Full PDB file with SEQRES, HELIX, SHEET, SSBOND, CRYST1, ORIGX, SCALE, CONECT and MASTER records, all heavy atoms in Angstrom:
SEQRES   1 A   37  TYR GLY ILE ASP ALA THR GLY LYS PRO LYS ALA GLY ARG          
SEQRES   2 A   37  PHE PRO GLU ARG GLN ALA ALA ALA ALA GLU LYS ALA ALA          
SEQRES   3 A   37  ARG SER LEU LYS LEU ALA VAL CYS ASN VAL ASP                  
HELIX    1 AA1 GLU A   16  GLN A   18  5                                   3    
HELIX    2 AA2 ALA A   19  SER A   28  1                                  10    
SHEET    1 AA1 2 GLY A   2  ILE A   3  0                                        
SHEET    2 AA1 2 PRO A   9  LYS A  10 -1                                        
CRYST1    1.000    1.000    1.000  90.00  90.00  90.00 P 1           1          
ORIGX1      1.000000  0.000000  0.000000        0.00000                         
ORIGX2      0.000000  1.000000  0.000000        0.00000                         
ORIGX3      0.000000  0.000000  1.000000        0.00000                         
SCALE1      1.000000  0.000000  0.000000        0.00000                         
SCALE2      0.000000  1.000000  0.000000        0.00000                         
SCALE3      0.000000  0.000000  1.000000        0.00000                         
ATOM      1  N   TYR A   1     151.151  63.982 199.624  1.00  0.00           N  
ATOM      2  CA  TYR A   1     151.743  65.113 200.337  1.00  0.00           C  
ATOM      3  C   TYR A   1     151.674  66.377 199.493  1.00  0.00           C  
ATOM      4  O   TYR A   1     151.457  66.327 198.285  1.00  0.00           O  
ATOM      5  CB  TYR A   1     153.195  64.802 200.704  1.00  0.00           C  
ATOM      6  CG  TYR A   1     154.083  64.608 199.508  1.00  0.00           C  
ATOM      7  CD1 TYR A   1     154.846  65.655 199.008  1.00  0.00           C  
ATOM      8  CD2 TYR A   1     154.148  63.382 198.859  1.00  0.00           C  
ATOM      9  CE1 TYR A   1     155.653  65.480 197.889  1.00  0.00           C  
ATOM     10  CE2 TYR A   1     154.944  63.196 197.755  1.00  0.00           C  
ATOM     11  CZ  TYR A   1     155.692  64.246 197.288  1.00  0.00           C  
ATOM     12  OH  TYR A   1     156.481  64.064 196.175  1.00  0.00           O  
ATOM     13  N   GLY A   2     151.870  67.495 200.154  1.00  0.00           N  
ATOM     14  CA  GLY A   2     151.887  68.774 199.457  1.00  0.00           C  
ATOM     15  C   GLY A   2     151.453  69.903 200.369  1.00  0.00           C  
ATOM     16  O   GLY A   2     151.341  69.746 201.577  1.00  0.00           O  
ATOM     17  N   ILE A   3     151.207  71.049 199.754  1.00  0.00           N  
ATOM     18  CA  ILE A   3     150.761  72.243 200.460  1.00  0.00           C  
ATOM     19  C   ILE A   3     149.308  72.499 200.065  1.00  0.00           C  
ATOM     20  O   ILE A   3     148.985  72.525 198.879  1.00  0.00           O  
ATOM     21  CB  ILE A   3     151.632  73.465 200.073  1.00  0.00           C  
ATOM     22  CG1 ILE A   3     153.115  73.181 200.298  1.00  0.00           C  
ATOM     23  CG2 ILE A   3     151.186  74.711 200.809  1.00  0.00           C  
ATOM     24  CD1 ILE A   3     153.516  73.001 201.736  1.00  0.00           C  
ATOM     25  N   ASP A   4     148.446  72.717 201.054  1.00  0.00           N  
ATOM     26  CA  ASP A   4     147.039  72.959 200.726  1.00  0.00           C  
ATOM     27  C   ASP A   4     146.820  74.413 200.311  1.00  0.00           C  
ATOM     28  O   ASP A   4     147.760  75.213 200.259  1.00  0.00           O  
ATOM     29  CB  ASP A   4     146.124  72.542 201.877  1.00  0.00           C  
ATOM     30  CG  ASP A   4     146.241  73.423 203.112  1.00  0.00           C  
ATOM     31  OD1 ASP A   4     147.000  74.415 203.092  1.00  0.00           O  
ATOM     32  OD2 ASP A   4     145.563  73.117 204.109  1.00  0.00           O  
ATOM     33  N   ALA A   5     145.591  74.775 200.032  1.00  0.00           N  
ATOM     34  CA  ALA A   5     145.256  76.115 199.540  1.00  0.00           C  
ATOM     35  C   ALA A   5     145.562  77.207 200.562  1.00  0.00           C  
ATOM     36  O   ALA A   5     145.773  78.364 200.190  1.00  0.00           O  
ATOM     37  CB  ALA A   5     143.791  76.166 199.150  1.00  0.00           C  
ATOM     38  N   THR A   6     145.621  76.858 201.846  1.00  0.00           N  
ATOM     39  CA  THR A   6     145.911  77.847 202.885  1.00  0.00           C  
ATOM     40  C   THR A   6     147.398  77.922 203.216  1.00  0.00           C  
ATOM     41  O   THR A   6     147.795  78.673 204.100  1.00  0.00           O  
ATOM     42  CB  THR A   6     145.119  77.546 204.171  1.00  0.00           C  
ATOM     43  OG1 THR A   6     145.519  76.274 204.679  1.00  0.00           O  
ATOM     44  CG2 THR A   6     143.633  77.557 203.912  1.00  0.00           C  
ATOM     45  N   GLY A   7     148.221  77.122 202.535  1.00  0.00           N  
ATOM     46  CA  GLY A   7     149.665  77.146 202.754  1.00  0.00           C  
ATOM     47  C   GLY A   7     150.165  76.187 203.814  1.00  0.00           C  
ATOM     48  O   GLY A   7     151.333  76.229 204.186  1.00  0.00           O  
ATOM     49  N   LYS A   8     149.306  75.313 204.310  1.00  0.00           N  
ATOM     50  CA  LYS A   8     149.711  74.358 205.344  1.00  0.00           C  
ATOM     51  C   LYS A   8     150.224  73.077 204.691  1.00  0.00           C  
ATOM     52  O   LYS A   8     149.631  72.594 203.731  1.00  0.00           O  
ATOM     53  CB  LYS A   8     148.537  74.021 206.256  1.00  0.00           C  
ATOM     54  CG  LYS A   8     148.068  75.187 207.080  1.00  0.00           C  
ATOM     55  CD  LYS A   8     146.918  74.783 207.958  1.00  0.00           C  
ATOM     56  CE  LYS A   8     146.418  75.971 208.748  1.00  0.00           C  
ATOM     57  NZ  LYS A   8     145.259  75.613 209.561  1.00  0.00           N  
ATOM     58  N   PRO A   9     151.305  72.490 205.233  1.00  0.00           N  
ATOM     59  CA  PRO A   9     151.798  71.218 204.691  1.00  0.00           C  
ATOM     60  C   PRO A   9     150.871  70.064 205.078  1.00  0.00           C  
ATOM     61  O   PRO A   9     150.372  70.002 206.202  1.00  0.00           O  
ATOM     62  CB  PRO A   9     153.174  71.060 205.340  1.00  0.00           C  
ATOM     63  CG  PRO A   9     153.102  71.876 206.578  1.00  0.00           C  
ATOM     64  CD  PRO A   9     152.142  73.001 206.306  1.00  0.00           C  
ATOM     65  N   LYS A  10     150.625  69.191 204.129  1.00  0.00           N  
ATOM     66  CA  LYS A  10     149.766  68.027 204.325  1.00  0.00           C  
ATOM     67  C   LYS A  10     150.539  66.771 203.978  1.00  0.00           C  
ATOM     68  O   LYS A  10     151.370  66.781 203.072  1.00  0.00           O  
ATOM     69  CB  LYS A  10     148.540  68.088 203.410  1.00  0.00           C  
ATOM     70  CG  LYS A  10     147.663  69.282 203.606  1.00  0.00           C  
ATOM     71  CD  LYS A  10     146.841  69.071 204.833  1.00  0.00           C  
ATOM     72  CE  LYS A  10     145.750  70.123 204.922  1.00  0.00           C  
ATOM     73  NZ  LYS A  10     144.909  69.895 206.063  1.00  0.00           N  
ATOM     74  N   ALA A  11     150.256  65.679 204.671  1.00  0.00           N  
ATOM     75  CA  ALA A  11     150.853  64.380 204.347  1.00  0.00           C  
ATOM     76  C   ALA A  11     149.984  63.282 204.936  1.00  0.00           C  
ATOM     77  O   ALA A  11     149.479  63.412 206.047  1.00  0.00           O  
ATOM     78  CB  ALA A  11     152.270  64.275 204.893  1.00  0.00           C  
ATOM     79  N   GLY A  12     149.808  62.224 204.181  1.00  0.00           N  
ATOM     80  CA  GLY A  12     149.029  61.080 204.654  1.00  0.00           C  
ATOM     81  C   GLY A  12     149.443  59.829 203.898  1.00  0.00           C  
ATOM     82  O   GLY A  12     149.872  59.900 202.758  1.00  0.00           O  
ATOM     83  N   ARG A  13     149.352  58.690 204.570  1.00  0.00           N  
ATOM     84  CA  ARG A  13     149.666  57.424 203.905  1.00  0.00           C  
ATOM     85  C   ARG A  13     148.380  56.634 203.748  1.00  0.00           C  
ATOM     86  O   ARG A  13     147.462  56.740 204.563  1.00  0.00           O  
ATOM     87  CB  ARG A  13     150.704  56.639 204.682  1.00  0.00           C  
ATOM     88  CG  ARG A  13     150.321  56.279 206.080  1.00  0.00           C  
ATOM     89  CD  ARG A  13     151.504  55.634 206.807  1.00  0.00           C  
ATOM     90  NE  ARG A  13     151.332  55.720 208.233  1.00  0.00           N  
ATOM     91  CZ  ARG A  13     151.036  54.692 209.013  1.00  0.00           C  
ATOM     92  NH1 ARG A  13     150.895  53.491 208.490  1.00  0.00           N  
ATOM     93  NH2 ARG A  13     150.896  54.850 210.306  1.00  0.00           N  
ATOM     94  N   PHE A  14     148.327  55.877 202.664  1.00  0.00           N  
ATOM     95  CA  PHE A  14     147.129  55.122 202.342  1.00  0.00           C  
ATOM     96  C   PHE A  14     147.506  53.702 201.992  1.00  0.00           C  
ATOM     97  O   PHE A  14     148.481  53.476 201.267  1.00  0.00           O  
ATOM     98  CB  PHE A  14     146.387  55.772 201.170  1.00  0.00           C  
ATOM     99  CG  PHE A  14     145.869  57.144 201.501  1.00  0.00           C  
ATOM    100  CD1 PHE A  14     146.659  58.260 201.312  1.00  0.00           C  
ATOM    101  CD2 PHE A  14     144.610  57.308 202.028  1.00  0.00           C  
ATOM    102  CE1 PHE A  14     146.202  59.524 201.631  1.00  0.00           C  
ATOM    103  CE2 PHE A  14     144.135  58.570 202.353  1.00  0.00           C  
ATOM    104  CZ  PHE A  14     144.936  59.682 202.153  1.00  0.00           C  
ATOM    105  N   PRO A  15     146.731  52.714 202.468  1.00  0.00           N  
ATOM    106  CA  PRO A  15     147.022  51.315 202.140  1.00  0.00           C  
ATOM    107  C   PRO A  15     146.727  51.031 200.669  1.00  0.00           C  
ATOM    108  O   PRO A  15     146.029  51.795 199.990  1.00  0.00           O  
ATOM    109  CB  PRO A  15     146.085  50.527 203.049  1.00  0.00           C  
ATOM    110  CG  PRO A  15     145.001  51.466 203.401  1.00  0.00           C  
ATOM    111  CD  PRO A  15     145.593  52.847 203.359  1.00  0.00           C  
ATOM    112  N   GLU A  16     147.240  49.932 200.209  1.00  0.00           N  
ATOM    113  CA  GLU A  16     147.125  49.557 198.799  1.00  0.00           C  
ATOM    114  C   GLU A  16     145.671  49.482 198.334  1.00  0.00           C  
ATOM    115  O   GLU A  16     145.354  49.893 197.220  1.00  0.00           O  
ATOM    116  CB  GLU A  16     147.817  48.217 198.583  1.00  0.00           C  
ATOM    117  CG  GLU A  16     147.947  47.830 197.142  1.00  0.00           C  
ATOM    118  CD  GLU A  16     148.771  46.577 196.968  1.00  0.00           C  
ATOM    119  OE1 GLU A  16     149.299  46.039 197.936  1.00  0.00           O  
ATOM    120  OE2 GLU A  16     148.870  46.131 195.812  1.00  0.00           O  
ATOM    121  N   ARG A  17     144.784  49.020 199.189  1.00  0.00           N  
ATOM    122  CA  ARG A  17     143.380  48.878 198.776  1.00  0.00           C  
ATOM    123  C   ARG A  17     142.696  50.227 198.566  1.00  0.00           C  
ATOM    124  O   ARG A  17     141.661  50.302 197.910  1.00  0.00           O  
ATOM    125  CB  ARG A  17     142.616  48.027 199.777  1.00  0.00           C  
ATOM    126  CG  ARG A  17     142.408  48.672 201.114  1.00  0.00           C  
ATOM    127  CD  ARG A  17     141.643  47.752 202.074  1.00  0.00           C  
ATOM    128  NE  ARG A  17     141.334  48.417 203.302  1.00  0.00           N  
ATOM    129  CZ  ARG A  17     142.185  48.608 204.307  1.00  0.00           C  
ATOM    130  NH1 ARG A  17     143.414  48.156 204.223  1.00  0.00           N  
ATOM    131  NH2 ARG A  17     141.807  49.250 205.388  1.00  0.00           N  
ATOM    132  N   GLN A  18     143.252  51.322 199.106  1.00  0.00           N  
ATOM    133  CA  GLN A  18     142.681  52.657 198.935  1.00  0.00           C  
ATOM    134  C   GLN A  18     143.503  53.532 198.001  1.00  0.00           C  
ATOM    135  O   GLN A  18     143.186  54.700 197.812  1.00  0.00           O  
ATOM    136  CB  GLN A  18     142.570  53.351 200.289  1.00  0.00           C  
ATOM    137  CG  GLN A  18     141.624  52.680 201.248  1.00  0.00           C  
ATOM    138  CD  GLN A  18     141.612  53.368 202.597  1.00  0.00           C  
ATOM    139  OE1 GLN A  18     142.513  54.134 202.925  1.00  0.00           O  
ATOM    140  NE2 GLN A  18     140.586  53.098 203.380  1.00  0.00           N  
ATOM    141  N   ALA A  19     144.536  52.976 197.404  1.00  0.00           N  
ATOM    142  CA  ALA A  19     145.477  53.769 196.601  1.00  0.00           C  
ATOM    143  C   ALA A  19     144.810  54.480 195.434  1.00  0.00           C  
ATOM    144  O   ALA A  19     145.057  55.663 195.197  1.00  0.00           O  
ATOM    145  CB  ALA A  19     146.618  52.892 196.109  1.00  0.00           C  
ATOM    146  N   ALA A  20     143.953  53.800 194.692  1.00  0.00           N  
ATOM    147  CA  ALA A  20     143.319  54.407 193.517  1.00  0.00           C  
ATOM    148  C   ALA A  20     142.439  55.587 193.915  1.00  0.00           C  
ATOM    149  O   ALA A  20     142.496  56.658 193.297  1.00  0.00           O  
ATOM    150  CB  ALA A  20     142.511  53.367 192.754  1.00  0.00           C  
ATOM    151  N   ALA A  21     141.639  55.424 194.951  1.00  0.00           N  
ATOM    152  CA  ALA A  21     140.769  56.509 195.410  1.00  0.00           C  
ATOM    153  C   ALA A  21     141.588  57.664 195.975  1.00  0.00           C  
ATOM    154  O   ALA A  21     141.264  58.835 195.751  1.00  0.00           O  
ATOM    155  CB  ALA A  21     139.796  55.994 196.457  1.00  0.00           C  
ATOM    156  N   ALA A  22     142.655  57.349 196.702  1.00  0.00           N  
ATOM    157  CA  ALA A  22     143.509  58.394 197.272  1.00  0.00           C  
ATOM    158  C   ALA A  22     144.228  59.187 196.174  1.00  0.00           C  
ATOM    159  O   ALA A  22     144.351  60.405 196.274  1.00  0.00           O  
ATOM    160  CB  ALA A  22     144.524  57.782 198.230  1.00  0.00           C  
ATOM    161  N   GLU A  23     144.688  58.504 195.129  1.00  0.00           N  
ATOM    162  CA  GLU A  23     145.330  59.200 194.018  1.00  0.00           C  
ATOM    163  C   GLU A  23     144.360  60.151 193.323  1.00  0.00           C  
ATOM    164  O   GLU A  23     144.718  61.275 192.983  1.00  0.00           O  
ATOM    165  CB  GLU A  23     145.889  58.205 193.009  1.00  0.00           C  
ATOM    166  CG  GLU A  23     147.161  57.550 193.462  1.00  0.00           C  
ATOM    167  CD  GLU A  23     147.758  56.663 192.393  1.00  0.00           C  
ATOM    168  OE1 GLU A  23     148.014  57.172 191.283  1.00  0.00           O  
ATOM    169  OE2 GLU A  23     147.962  55.474 192.672  1.00  0.00           O  
ATOM    170  N   LYS A  24     143.145  59.711 193.126  1.00  0.00           N  
ATOM    171  CA  LYS A  24     142.136  60.545 192.478  1.00  0.00           C  
ATOM    172  C   LYS A  24     141.846  61.788 193.328  1.00  0.00           C  
ATOM    173  O   LYS A  24     141.778  62.905 192.819  1.00  0.00           O  
ATOM    174  CB  LYS A  24     140.858  59.735 192.259  1.00  0.00           C  
ATOM    175  CG  LYS A  24     139.794  60.465 191.515  1.00  0.00           C  
ATOM    176  CD  LYS A  24     138.593  59.571 191.268  1.00  0.00           C  
ATOM    177  CE  LYS A  24     137.487  60.318 190.548  1.00  0.00           C  
ATOM    178  NZ  LYS A  24     136.313  59.471 190.354  1.00  0.00           N  
ATOM    179  N   ALA A  25     141.694  61.599 194.623  1.00  0.00           N  
ATOM    180  CA  ALA A  25     141.445  62.723 195.522  1.00  0.00           C  
ATOM    181  C   ALA A  25     142.647  63.660 195.585  1.00  0.00           C  
ATOM    182  O   ALA A  25     142.494  64.880 195.613  1.00  0.00           O  
ATOM    183  CB  ALA A  25     141.110  62.207 196.918  1.00  0.00           C  
ATOM    184  N   ALA A  26     143.849  63.098 195.580  1.00  0.00           N  
ATOM    185  CA  ALA A  26     145.069  63.918 195.621  1.00  0.00           C  
ATOM    186  C   ALA A  26     145.167  64.808 194.385  1.00  0.00           C  
ATOM    187  O   ALA A  26     145.558  65.977 194.482  1.00  0.00           O  
ATOM    188  CB  ALA A  26     146.298  63.024 195.739  1.00  0.00           C  
ATOM    189  N   ARG A  27     144.830  64.257 193.223  1.00  0.00           N  
ATOM    190  CA  ARG A  27     144.860  65.065 191.997  1.00  0.00           C  
ATOM    191  C   ARG A  27     143.886  66.233 192.087  1.00  0.00           C  
ATOM    192  O   ARG A  27     144.207  67.348 191.697  1.00  0.00           O  
ATOM    193  CB  ARG A  27     144.543  64.201 190.784  1.00  0.00           C  
ATOM    194  CG  ARG A  27     145.704  63.377 190.301  1.00  0.00           C  
ATOM    195  CD  ARG A  27     145.442  62.821 188.913  1.00  0.00           C  
ATOM    196  NE  ARG A  27     144.211  62.035 188.845  1.00  0.00           N  
ATOM    197  CZ  ARG A  27     144.128  60.723 189.037  1.00  0.00           C  
ATOM    198  NH1 ARG A  27     145.217  60.045 189.310  1.00  0.00           N  
ATOM    199  NH2 ARG A  27     142.983  60.100 188.956  1.00  0.00           N  
ATOM    200  N   SER A  28     142.699  65.992 192.615  1.00  0.00           N  
ATOM    201  CA  SER A  28     141.716  67.071 192.706  1.00  0.00           C  
ATOM    202  C   SER A  28     142.113  68.131 193.728  1.00  0.00           C  
ATOM    203  O   SER A  28     141.747  69.289 193.592  1.00  0.00           O  
ATOM    204  CB  SER A  28     140.334  66.520 193.032  1.00  0.00           C  
ATOM    205  OG  SER A  28     140.289  66.031 194.345  1.00  0.00           O  
ATOM    206  N   LEU A  29     142.880  67.749 194.748  1.00  0.00           N  
ATOM    207  CA  LEU A  29     143.366  68.700 195.753  1.00  0.00           C  
ATOM    208  C   LEU A  29     144.744  69.270 195.408  1.00  0.00           C  
ATOM    209  O   LEU A  29     145.320  70.011 196.192  1.00  0.00           O  
ATOM    210  CB  LEU A  29     143.419  68.026 197.127  1.00  0.00           C  
ATOM    211  CG  LEU A  29     142.074  67.618 197.711  1.00  0.00           C  
ATOM    212  CD1 LEU A  29     142.271  66.772 198.957  1.00  0.00           C  
ATOM    213  CD2 LEU A  29     141.246  68.850 198.026  1.00  0.00           C  
ATOM    214  N   LYS A  30     145.273  68.882 194.245  1.00  0.00           N  
ATOM    215  CA  LYS A  30     146.592  69.327 193.765  1.00  0.00           C  
ATOM    216  C   LYS A  30     147.714  68.955 194.737  1.00  0.00           C  
ATOM    217  O   LYS A  30     148.588  69.746 195.049  1.00  0.00           O  
ATOM    218  CB  LYS A  30     146.579  70.824 193.481  1.00  0.00           C  
ATOM    219  CG  LYS A  30     145.607  71.169 192.380  1.00  0.00           C  
ATOM    220  CD  LYS A  30     145.624  72.616 192.045  1.00  0.00           C  
ATOM    221  CE  LYS A  30     144.656  72.797 190.892  1.00  0.00           C  
ATOM    222  NZ  LYS A  30     143.987  74.029 190.854  1.00  0.00           N  
ATOM    223  N   LEU A  31     147.658  67.706 195.220  1.00  0.00           N  
ATOM    224  CA  LEU A  31     148.695  67.152 196.087  1.00  0.00           C  
ATOM    225  C   LEU A  31     149.498  66.126 195.303  1.00  0.00           C  
ATOM    226  O   LEU A  31     149.000  65.528 194.356  1.00  0.00           O  
ATOM    227  CB  LEU A  31     148.068  66.496 197.321  1.00  0.00           C  
ATOM    228  CG  LEU A  31     147.278  67.423 198.250  1.00  0.00           C  
ATOM    229  CD1 LEU A  31     146.578  66.620 199.329  1.00  0.00           C  
ATOM    230  CD2 LEU A  31     148.181  68.474 198.866  1.00  0.00           C  
ATOM    231  N   ALA A  32     150.737  65.905 195.704  1.00  0.00           N  
ATOM    232  CA  ALA A  32     151.615  64.940 195.041  1.00  0.00           C  
ATOM    233  C   ALA A  32     151.404  63.549 195.630  1.00  0.00           C  
ATOM    234  O   ALA A  32     150.975  63.398 196.774  1.00  0.00           O  
ATOM    235  CB  ALA A  32     153.070  65.362 195.207  1.00  0.00           C  
ATOM    236  N   VAL A  33     151.737  62.532 194.837  1.00  0.00           N  
ATOM    237  CA  VAL A  33     151.604  61.137 195.252  1.00  0.00           C  
ATOM    238  C   VAL A  33     152.945  60.446 195.072  1.00  0.00           C  
ATOM    239  O   VAL A  33     153.600  60.604 194.049  1.00  0.00           O  
ATOM    240  CB  VAL A  33     150.527  60.414 194.414  1.00  0.00           C  
ATOM    241  CG1 VAL A  33     150.445  58.952 194.788  1.00  0.00           C  
ATOM    242  CG2 VAL A  33     149.179  61.083 194.585  1.00  0.00           C  
ATOM    243  N   CYS A  34     153.350  59.676 196.074  1.00  0.00           N  
ATOM    244  CA  CYS A  34     154.591  58.906 196.013  1.00  0.00           C  
ATOM    245  C   CYS A  34     154.265  57.447 196.305  1.00  0.00           C  
ATOM    246  O   CYS A  34     153.665  57.135 197.339  1.00  0.00           O  
ATOM    247  CB  CYS A  34     155.585  59.443 197.037  1.00  0.00           C  
ATOM    248  SG  CYS A  34     157.106  58.498 197.145  1.00  0.00           S  
ATOM    249  N   ASN A  35     154.645  56.562 195.395  1.00  0.00           N  
ATOM    250  CA  ASN A  35     154.468  55.129 195.632  1.00  0.00           C  
ATOM    251  C   ASN A  35     155.519  54.653 196.617  1.00  0.00           C  
ATOM    252  O   ASN A  35     156.688  54.992 196.503  1.00  0.00           O  
ATOM    253  CB  ASN A  35     154.606  54.344 194.334  1.00  0.00           C  
ATOM    254  CG  ASN A  35     153.450  54.597 193.405  1.00  0.00           C  
ATOM    255  OD1 ASN A  35     152.319  54.713 193.834  1.00  0.00           O  
ATOM    256  ND2 ASN A  35     153.741  54.701 192.132  1.00  0.00           N  
ATOM    257  N   VAL A  36     155.099  53.859 197.585  1.00  0.00           N  
ATOM    258  CA  VAL A  36     156.013  53.301 198.581  1.00  0.00           C  
ATOM    259  C   VAL A  36     156.511  51.977 198.022  1.00  0.00           C  
ATOM    260  O   VAL A  36     155.961  50.926 198.289  1.00  0.00           O  
ATOM    261  CB  VAL A  36     155.313  53.128 199.937  1.00  0.00           C  
ATOM    262  CG1 VAL A  36     156.283  52.575 200.971  1.00  0.00           C  
ATOM    263  CG2 VAL A  36     154.735  54.438 200.403  1.00  0.00           C  
ATOM    264  N   ASP A  37     157.554  52.068 197.215  1.00  0.00           N  
ATOM    265  CA  ASP A  37     158.073  50.872 196.557  1.00  0.00           C  
ATOM    266  C   ASP A  37     159.569  50.672 196.782  1.00  0.00           C  
ATOM    267  O   ASP A  37     160.173  49.829 196.160  1.00  0.00           O  
ATOM    268  CB  ASP A  37     157.761  50.922 195.062  1.00  0.00           C  
ATOM    269  CG  ASP A  37     158.287  52.191 194.419  1.00  0.00           C  
ATOM    270  OD1 ASP A  37     158.913  53.017 195.118  1.00  0.00           O  
ATOM    271  OD2 ASP A  37     158.072  52.363 193.215  1.00  0.00           O  
TER     272      ASP A  37                                                      
MASTER        0    0    0    2    2    0    0    6  271    1    0    3          
END                                                                             
């Protein structure tokens, strides 16, 4: 989740098998990551 470069709020959930790739992409887009634990 987070705010994109245009100021729009973003949020998406990802299954465990895609977590590593989603975290890497989130870092490059400057979005936050929350573990569902």
